[in-house]
Amino acid sequence: PEPAVTESAKRHWSNNMRLTIATVEGEDF
């Protein structure tokens, strides 16, 4: 909903993407 312009926001959304990929690549698929 907001642009990731701060380092904190970038880390937060990177962690979300990392969790998503870990879930599907390590478990679902």
PDB file of all heavy atoms in Angstrom:
ATOM      1  N   PRO A   1       0.802  -1.232   0.000  1.00  0.00           N
ATOM      2  CA  PRO A   1       0.000   0.000   0.000  1.00  0.00           C
ATOM      3  C   PRO A   1       0.828   1.272   0.000  1.00  0.00           C
ATOM      4  O   PRO A   1       0.354   2.322  -0.432  1.00  0.00           O
ATOM      5  CB  PRO A   1      -0.835  -0.119   1.282  1.00  0.00           C
ATOM      6  CG  PRO A   1      -0.067  -1.062   2.147  1.00  0.00           C
ATOM      7  CD  PRO A   1       0.610  -2.028   1.220  1.00  0.00           C
ATOM      8  N   GLU A   2       2.055   1.198   0.481  1.00  0.00           N
ATOM      9  CA  GLU A   2       2.954   2.353   0.503  1.00  0.00           C
ATOM     10  C   GLU A   2       4.266   1.977  -0.182  1.00  0.00           C
ATOM     11  O   GLU A   2       4.682   0.814  -0.140  1.00  0.00           O
ATOM     12  CB  GLU A   2       3.238   2.798   1.947  1.00  0.00           C
ATOM     13  CG  GLU A   2       2.003   3.173   2.746  1.00  0.00           C
ATOM     14  CD  GLU A   2       1.331   4.443   2.236  1.00  0.00           C
ATOM     15  OE1 GLU A   2       2.017   5.230   1.546  1.00  0.00           O
ATOM     16  OE2 GLU A   2       0.137   4.629   2.525  1.00  0.00           O
ATOM     17  N   PRO A   3       4.939   2.935  -0.808  1.00  0.00           N
ATOM     18  CA  PRO A   3       6.230   2.609  -1.430  1.00  0.00           C
ATOM     19  C   PRO A   3       7.271   2.265  -0.378  1.00  0.00           C
ATOM     20  O   PRO A   3       7.286   2.846   0.716  1.00  0.00           O
ATOM     21  CB  PRO A   3       6.594   3.895  -2.178  1.00  0.00           C
ATOM     22  CG  PRO A   3       5.868   4.980  -1.454  1.00  0.00           C
ATOM     23  CD  PRO A   3       4.580   4.367  -0.970  1.00  0.00           C
ATOM     24  N   ALA A   4       8.114   1.316  -0.691  1.00  0.00           N
ATOM     25  CA  ALA A   4       9.170   0.904   0.241  1.00  0.00           C
ATOM     26  C   ALA A   4      10.385   1.805   0.018  1.00  0.00           C
ATOM     27  O   ALA A   4      11.278   1.489  -0.762  1.00  0.00           O
ATOM     28  CB  ALA A   4       9.529  -0.558   0.020  1.00  0.00           C
ATOM     29  N   VAL A   5      10.422   2.917   0.716  1.00  0.00           N
ATOM     30  CA  VAL A   5      11.498   3.894   0.509  1.00  0.00           C
ATOM     31  C   VAL A   5      12.516   3.873   1.646  1.00  0.00           C
ATOM     32  O   VAL A   5      13.660   4.293   1.451  1.00  0.00           O
ATOM     33  CB  VAL A   5      10.920   5.316   0.337  1.00  0.00           C
ATOM     34  CG1 VAL A   5      10.110   5.405  -0.952  1.00  0.00           C
ATOM     35  CG2 VAL A   5      10.054   5.705   1.529  1.00  0.00           C
ATOM     36  N   THR A   6      12.125   3.405   2.814  1.00  0.00           N
ATOM     37  CA  THR A   6      13.066   3.349   3.928  1.00  0.00           C
ATOM     38  C   THR A   6      13.708   1.964   3.990  1.00  0.00           C
ATOM     39  O   THR A   6      13.163   0.984   3.480  1.00  0.00           O
ATOM     40  CB  THR A   6      12.364   3.640   5.265  1.00  0.00           C
ATOM     41  OG1 THR A   6      11.447   2.574   5.557  1.00  0.00           O
ATOM     42  CG2 THR A   6      11.590   4.959   5.187  1.00  0.00           C
ATOM     43  N   GLU A   7      14.847   1.878   4.629  1.00  0.00           N
ATOM     44  CA  GLU A   7      15.503   0.590   4.779  1.00  0.00           C
ATOM     45  C   GLU A   7      14.657  -0.367   5.600  1.00  0.00           C
ATOM     46  O   GLU A   7      14.617  -1.569   5.333  1.00  0.00           O
ATOM     47  CB  GLU A   7      16.881   0.777   5.437  1.00  0.00           C
ATOM     48  CG  GLU A   7      17.899   1.479   4.543  1.00  0.00           C
ATOM     49  CD  GLU A   7      18.092   0.731   3.222  1.00  0.00           C
ATOM     50  OE1 GLU A   7      18.212  -0.510   3.256  1.00  0.00           O
ATOM     51  OE2 GLU A   7      18.115   1.389   2.178  1.00  0.00           O
ATOM     52  N   SER A   8      13.955   0.158   6.599  1.00  0.00           N
ATOM     53  CA  SER A   8      13.090  -0.676   7.418  1.00  0.00           C
ATOM     54  C   SER A   8      11.967  -1.281   6.577  1.00  0.00           C
ATOM     55  O   SER A   8      11.653  -2.475   6.695  1.00  0.00           O
ATOM     56  CB  SER A   8      12.490   0.157   8.559  1.00  0.00           C
ATOM     57  OG  SER A   8      11.575  -0.614   9.311  1.00  0.00           O
ATOM     58  N   ALA A   9      11.346  -0.472   5.717  1.00  0.00           N
ATOM     59  CA  ALA A   9      10.263  -0.968   4.865  1.00  0.00           C
ATOM     60  C   ALA A   9      10.793  -1.994   3.871  1.00  0.00           C
ATOM     61  O   ALA A   9      10.142  -3.015   3.610  1.00  0.00           O
ATOM     62  CB  ALA A   9       9.602   0.194   4.134  1.00  0.00           C
ATOM     63  N   LYS A  10      11.959  -1.735   3.319  1.00  0.00           N
ATOM     64  CA  LYS A  10      12.536  -2.685   2.370  1.00  0.00           C
ATOM     65  C   LYS A  10      12.811  -4.027   3.040  1.00  0.00           C
ATOM     66  O   LYS A  10      12.564  -5.087   2.460  1.00  0.00           O
ATOM     67  CB  LYS A  10      13.819  -2.109   1.771  1.00  0.00           C
ATOM     68  CG  LYS A  10      13.583  -0.914   0.860  1.00  0.00           C
ATOM     69  CD  LYS A  10      14.906  -0.314   0.382  1.00  0.00           C
ATOM     70  CE  LYS A  10      14.668   0.915  -0.481  1.00  0.00           C
ATOM     71  NZ  LYS A  10      15.950   1.540  -0.912  1.00  0.00           N
ATOM     72  N   ARG A  11      13.332  -3.993   4.265  1.00  0.00           N
ATOM     73  CA  ARG A  11      13.586  -5.241   4.993  1.00  0.00           C
ATOM     74  C   ARG A  11      12.280  -5.968   5.281  1.00  0.00           C
ATOM     75  O   ARG A  11      12.192  -7.200   5.149  1.00  0.00           O
ATOM     76  CB  ARG A  11      14.333  -4.955   6.294  1.00  0.00           C
ATOM     77  CG  ARG A  11      15.809  -4.651   6.136  1.00  0.00           C
ATOM     78  CD  ARG A  11      16.530  -4.737   7.475  1.00  0.00           C
ATOM     79  NE  ARG A  11      15.956  -3.831   8.461  1.00  0.00           N
ATOM     80  CZ  ARG A  11      16.359  -2.572   8.621  1.00  0.00           C
ATOM     81  NH1 ARG A  11      17.332  -2.084   7.869  1.00  0.00           N
ATOM     82  NH2 ARG A  11      15.798  -1.803   9.543  1.00  0.00           N
ATOM     83  N   HIS A  12      11.265  -5.207   5.686  1.00  0.00           N
ATOM     84  CA  HIS A  12       9.981  -5.806   6.027  1.00  0.00           C
ATOM     85  C   HIS A  12       9.383  -6.543   4.842  1.00  0.00           C
ATOM     86  O   HIS A  12       8.997  -7.711   4.949  1.00  0.00           O
ATOM     87  CB  HIS A  12       9.008  -4.725   6.510  1.00  0.00           C
ATOM     88  CG  HIS A  12       7.622  -5.222   6.762  1.00  0.00           C
ATOM     89  ND1 HIS A  12       7.289  -5.974   7.869  1.00  0.00           N
ATOM     90  CD2 HIS A  12       6.474  -5.080   6.035  1.00  0.00           C
ATOM     91  CE1 HIS A  12       6.000  -6.278   7.827  1.00  0.00           C
ATOM     92  NE2 HIS A  12       5.481  -5.755   6.727  1.00  0.00           N
ATOM     93  N   TRP A  13       9.326  -5.874   3.692  1.00  0.00           N
ATOM     94  CA  TRP A  13       8.686  -6.506   2.531  1.00  0.00           C
ATOM     95  C   TRP A  13       9.578  -7.573   1.913  1.00  0.00           C
ATOM     96  O   TRP A  13       9.070  -8.564   1.368  1.00  0.00           O
ATOM     97  CB  TRP A  13       8.288  -5.445   1.506  1.00  0.00           C
ATOM     98  CG  TRP A  13       7.235  -4.513   2.027  1.00  0.00           C
ATOM     99  CD1 TRP A  13       7.319  -3.157   2.158  1.00  0.00           C
ATOM    100  CD2 TRP A  13       5.941  -4.875   2.527  1.00  0.00           C
ATOM    101  NE1 TRP A  13       6.172  -2.649   2.698  1.00  0.00           N
ATOM    102  CE2 TRP A  13       5.308  -3.682   2.931  1.00  0.00           C
ATOM    103  CE3 TRP A  13       5.268  -6.089   2.676  1.00  0.00           C
ATOM    104  CZ2 TRP A  13       4.015  -3.669   3.463  1.00  0.00           C
ATOM    105  CZ3 TRP A  13       3.987  -6.081   3.212  1.00  0.00           C
ATOM    106  CH2 TRP A  13       3.373  -4.888   3.596  1.00  0.00           C
ATOM    107  N   SER A  14      10.884  -7.415   2.028  1.00  0.00           N
ATOM    108  CA  SER A  14      11.786  -8.488   1.578  1.00  0.00           C
ATOM    109  C   SER A  14      11.582  -9.746   2.408  1.00  0.00           C
ATOM    110  O   SER A  14      11.601 -10.862   1.873  1.00  0.00           O
ATOM    111  CB  SER A  14      13.244  -8.030   1.664  1.00  0.00           C
ATOM    112  OG  SER A  14      13.514  -7.002   0.733  1.00  0.00           O
ATOM    113  N   ASN A  15      11.369  -9.579   3.700  1.00  0.00           N
ATOM    114  CA  ASN A  15      11.113 -10.732   4.565  1.00  0.00           C
ATOM    115  C   ASN A  15       9.790 -11.401   4.205  1.00  0.00           C
ATOM    116  O   ASN A  15       9.671 -12.633   4.249  1.00  0.00           O
ATOM    117  CB  ASN A  15      11.115 -10.307   6.032  1.00  0.00           C
ATOM    118  CG  ASN A  15      12.510  -9.997   6.550  1.00  0.00           C
ATOM    119  OD1 ASN A  15      13.503 -10.492   6.012  1.00  0.00           O
ATOM    120  ND2 ASN A  15      12.595  -9.177   7.586  1.00  0.00           N
ATOM    121  N   ASN A  16       8.783 -10.586   3.865  1.00  0.00           N
ATOM    122  CA  ASN A  16       7.511 -11.151   3.445  1.00  0.00           C
ATOM    123  C   ASN A  16       7.667 -11.965   2.161  1.00  0.00           C
ATOM    124  O   ASN A  16       7.128 -13.068   2.043  1.00  0.00           O
ATOM    125  CB  ASN A  16       6.479 -10.035   3.233  1.00  0.00           C
ATOM    126  CG  ASN A  16       5.737  -9.675   4.499  1.00  0.00           C
ATOM    127  OD1 ASN A  16       4.673 -10.210   4.788  1.00  0.00           O
ATOM    128  ND2 ASN A  16       6.300  -8.756   5.259  1.00  0.00           N
ATOM    129  N   MET A  17       8.403 -11.424   1.203  1.00  0.00           N
ATOM    130  CA  MET A  17       8.632 -12.155  -0.044  1.00  0.00           C
ATOM    131  C   MET A  17       9.441 -13.417   0.225  1.00  0.00           C
ATOM    132  O   MET A  17       9.157 -14.489  -0.334  1.00  0.00           O
ATOM    133  CB  MET A  17       9.354 -11.262  -1.052  1.00  0.00           C
ATOM    134  CG  MET A  17       9.663 -11.938  -2.381  1.00  0.00           C
ATOM    135  SD  MET A  17       8.177 -12.415  -3.301  1.00  0.00           S
ATOM    136  CE  MET A  17       7.992 -10.986  -4.387  1.00  0.00           C
ATOM    137  N   ARG A  18      10.424 -13.328   1.100  1.00  0.00           N
ATOM    138  CA  ARG A  18      11.257 -14.482   1.428  1.00  0.00           C
ATOM    139  C   ARG A  18      10.419 -15.586   2.075  1.00  0.00           C
ATOM    140  O   ARG A  18      10.569 -16.773   1.746  1.00  0.00           O
ATOM    141  CB  ARG A  18      12.383 -14.051   2.356  1.00  0.00           C
ATOM    142  CG  ARG A  18      13.455 -15.128   2.590  1.00  0.00           C
ATOM    143  CD  ARG A  18      14.567 -14.605   3.458  1.00  0.00           C
ATOM    144  NE  ARG A  18      15.227 -13.447   2.856  1.00  0.00           N
ATOM    145  CZ  ARG A  18      15.161 -12.214   3.342  1.00  0.00           C
ATOM    146  NH1 ARG A  18      14.499 -11.967   4.464  1.00  0.00           N
ATOM    147  NH2 ARG A  18      15.771 -11.223   2.739  1.00  0.00           N
ATOM    148  N   LEU A  19       9.502 -15.219   2.979  1.00  0.00           N
ATOM    149  CA  LEU A  19       8.647 -16.202   3.625  1.00  0.00           C
ATOM    150  C   LEU A  19       7.721 -16.868   2.606  1.00  0.00           C
ATOM    151  O   LEU A  19       7.517 -18.087   2.635  1.00  0.00           O
ATOM    152  CB  LEU A  19       7.822 -15.551   4.729  1.00  0.00           C
ATOM    153  CG  LEU A  19       6.780 -16.447   5.410  1.00  0.00           C
ATOM    154  CD1 LEU A  19       7.442 -17.631   6.088  1.00  0.00           C
ATOM    155  CD2 LEU A  19       5.958 -15.635   6.416  1.00  0.00           C
ATOM    156  N   THR A  20       7.172 -16.076   1.700  1.00  0.00           N
ATOM    157  CA  THR A  20       6.279 -16.625   0.680  1.00  0.00           C
ATOM    158  C   THR A  20       7.008 -17.637  -0.193  1.00  0.00           C
ATOM    159  O   THR A  20       6.514 -18.745  -0.441  1.00  0.00           O
ATOM    160  CB  THR A  20       5.707 -15.496  -0.193  1.00  0.00           C
ATOM    161  OG1 THR A  20       4.954 -14.593   0.623  1.00  0.00           O
ATOM    162  CG2 THR A  20       4.806 -16.051  -1.287  1.00  0.00           C
ATOM    163  N   ILE A  21       8.187 -17.270  -0.652  1.00  0.00           N
ATOM    164  CA  ILE A  21       8.938 -18.167  -1.531  1.00  0.00           C
ATOM    165  C   ILE A  21       9.405 -19.402  -0.778  1.00  0.00           C
ATOM    166  O   ILE A  21       9.374 -20.523  -1.302  1.00  0.00           O
ATOM    167  CB  ILE A  21      10.117 -17.412  -2.166  1.00  0.00           C
ATOM    168  CG1 ILE A  21       9.575 -16.341  -3.143  1.00  0.00           C
ATOM    169  CG2 ILE A  21      11.052 -18.370  -2.899  1.00  0.00           C
ATOM    170  CD1 ILE A  21      10.635 -15.490  -3.784  1.00  0.00           C
ATOM    171  N   ALA A  22       9.818 -19.233   0.473  1.00  0.00           N
ATOM    172  CA  ALA A  22      10.220 -20.398   1.273  1.00  0.00           C
ATOM    173  C   ALA A  22       9.057 -21.363   1.458  1.00  0.00           C
ATOM    174  O   ALA A  22       9.240 -22.590   1.446  1.00  0.00           O
ATOM    175  CB  ALA A  22      10.744 -19.940   2.632  1.00  0.00           C
ATOM    176  N   THR A  23       7.857 -20.822   1.598  1.00  0.00           N
ATOM    177  CA  THR A  23       6.673 -21.661   1.798  1.00  0.00           C
ATOM    178  C   THR A  23       6.359 -22.475   0.554  1.00  0.00           C
ATOM    179  O   THR A  23       6.157 -23.691   0.621  1.00  0.00           O
ATOM    180  CB  THR A  23       5.458 -20.799   2.191  1.00  0.00           C
ATOM    181  OG1 THR A  23       5.760 -20.070   3.384  1.00  0.00           O
ATOM    182  CG2 THR A  23       4.237 -21.660   2.427  1.00  0.00           C
ATOM    183  N   VAL A  24       6.323 -21.805  -0.604  1.00  0.00           N
ATOM    184  CA  VAL A  24       5.915 -22.529  -1.818  1.00  0.00           C
ATOM    185  C   VAL A  24       7.045 -23.382  -2.375  1.00  0.00           C
ATOM    186  O   VAL A  24       6.815 -24.509  -2.840  1.00  0.00           O
ATOM    187  CB  VAL A  24       5.386 -21.557  -2.894  1.00  0.00           C
ATOM    188  CG1 VAL A  24       4.140 -20.843  -2.390  1.00  0.00           C
ATOM    189  CG2 VAL A  24       6.443 -20.545  -3.338  1.00  0.00           C
ATOM    190  N   GLU A  25       8.280 -22.876  -2.335  1.00  0.00           N
ATOM    191  CA  GLU A  25       9.390 -23.634  -2.917  1.00  0.00           C
ATOM    192  C   GLU A  25       9.863 -24.752  -1.992  1.00  0.00           C
ATOM    193  O   GLU A  25      10.329 -25.791  -2.470  1.00  0.00           O
ATOM    194  CB  GLU A  25      10.554 -22.700  -3.261  1.00  0.00           C
ATOM    195  CG  GLU A  25      10.274 -21.799  -4.448  1.00  0.00           C
ATOM    196  CD  GLU A  25      11.563 -21.332  -5.116  1.00  0.00           C
ATOM    197  OE1 GLU A  25      12.520 -20.992  -4.388  1.00  0.00           O
ATOM    198  OE2 GLU A  25      11.593 -21.317  -6.362  1.00  0.00           O
ATOM    199  N   GLY A  26       9.762 -24.545  -0.697  1.00  0.00           N
ATOM    200  CA  GLY A  26      10.232 -25.570   0.232  1.00  0.00           C
ATOM    201  C   GLY A  26       9.168 -26.564   0.634  1.00  0.00           C
ATOM    202  O   GLY A  26       9.493 -27.657   1.116  1.00  0.00           O
ATOM    203  N   GLU A  27       7.883 -26.204   0.428  1.00  0.00           N
ATOM    204  CA  GLU A  27       6.809 -27.044   0.939  1.00  0.00           C
ATOM    205  C   GLU A  27       5.732 -27.344  -0.112  1.00  0.00           C
ATOM    206  O   GLU A  27       5.512 -28.496  -0.476  1.00  0.00           O
ATOM    207  CB  GLU A  27       6.199 -26.363   2.177  1.00  0.00           C
ATOM    208  CG  GLU A  27       7.229 -26.192   3.292  1.00  0.00           C
ATOM    209  CD  GLU A  27       6.804 -25.226   4.394  1.00  0.00           C
ATOM    210  OE1 GLU A  27       5.813 -24.500   4.205  1.00  0.00           O
ATOM    211  OE2 GLU A  27       7.477 -25.197   5.432  1.00  0.00           O
ATOM    212  N   ASP A  28       5.051 -26.330  -0.621  1.00  0.00           N
ATOM    213  CA  ASP A  28       3.912 -26.565  -1.517  1.00  0.00           C
ATOM    214  C   ASP A  28       4.290 -27.245  -2.830  1.00  0.00           C
ATOM    215  O   ASP A  28       3.768 -28.322  -3.165  1.00  0.00           O
ATOM    216  CB  ASP A  28       3.220 -25.238  -1.839  1.00  0.00           C
ATOM    217  CG  ASP A  28       2.373 -24.734  -0.693  1.00  0.00           C
ATOM    218  OD1 ASP A  28       1.512 -25.487  -0.218  1.00  0.00           O
ATOM    219  OD2 ASP A  28       2.567 -23.581  -0.280  1.00  0.00           O
ATOM    220  N   PHE A  29       5.159 -26.620  -3.584  1.00  0.00           N
ATOM    221  CA  PHE A  29       5.385 -27.088  -4.951  1.00  0.00           C
ATOM    222  C   PHE A  29       6.163 -28.398  -5.038  1.00  0.00           C
ATOM    223  O   PHE A  29       5.919 -29.191  -5.956  1.00  0.00           O
ATOM    224  CB  PHE A  29       6.046 -25.985  -5.777  1.00  0.00           C
ATOM    225  CG  PHE A  29       5.169 -24.762  -5.945  1.00  0.00           C
ATOM    226  CD1 PHE A  29       5.729 -23.517  -6.191  1.00  0.00           C
ATOM    227  CD2 PHE A  29       3.787 -24.849  -5.850  1.00  0.00           C
ATOM    228  CE1 PHE A  29       4.926 -22.391  -6.342  1.00  0.00           C
ATOM    229  CE2 PHE A  29       2.977 -23.733  -5.984  1.00  0.00           C
ATOM    230  CZ  PHE A  29       3.551 -22.492  -6.237  1.00  0.00           C
TER     231      PHE A  29
END
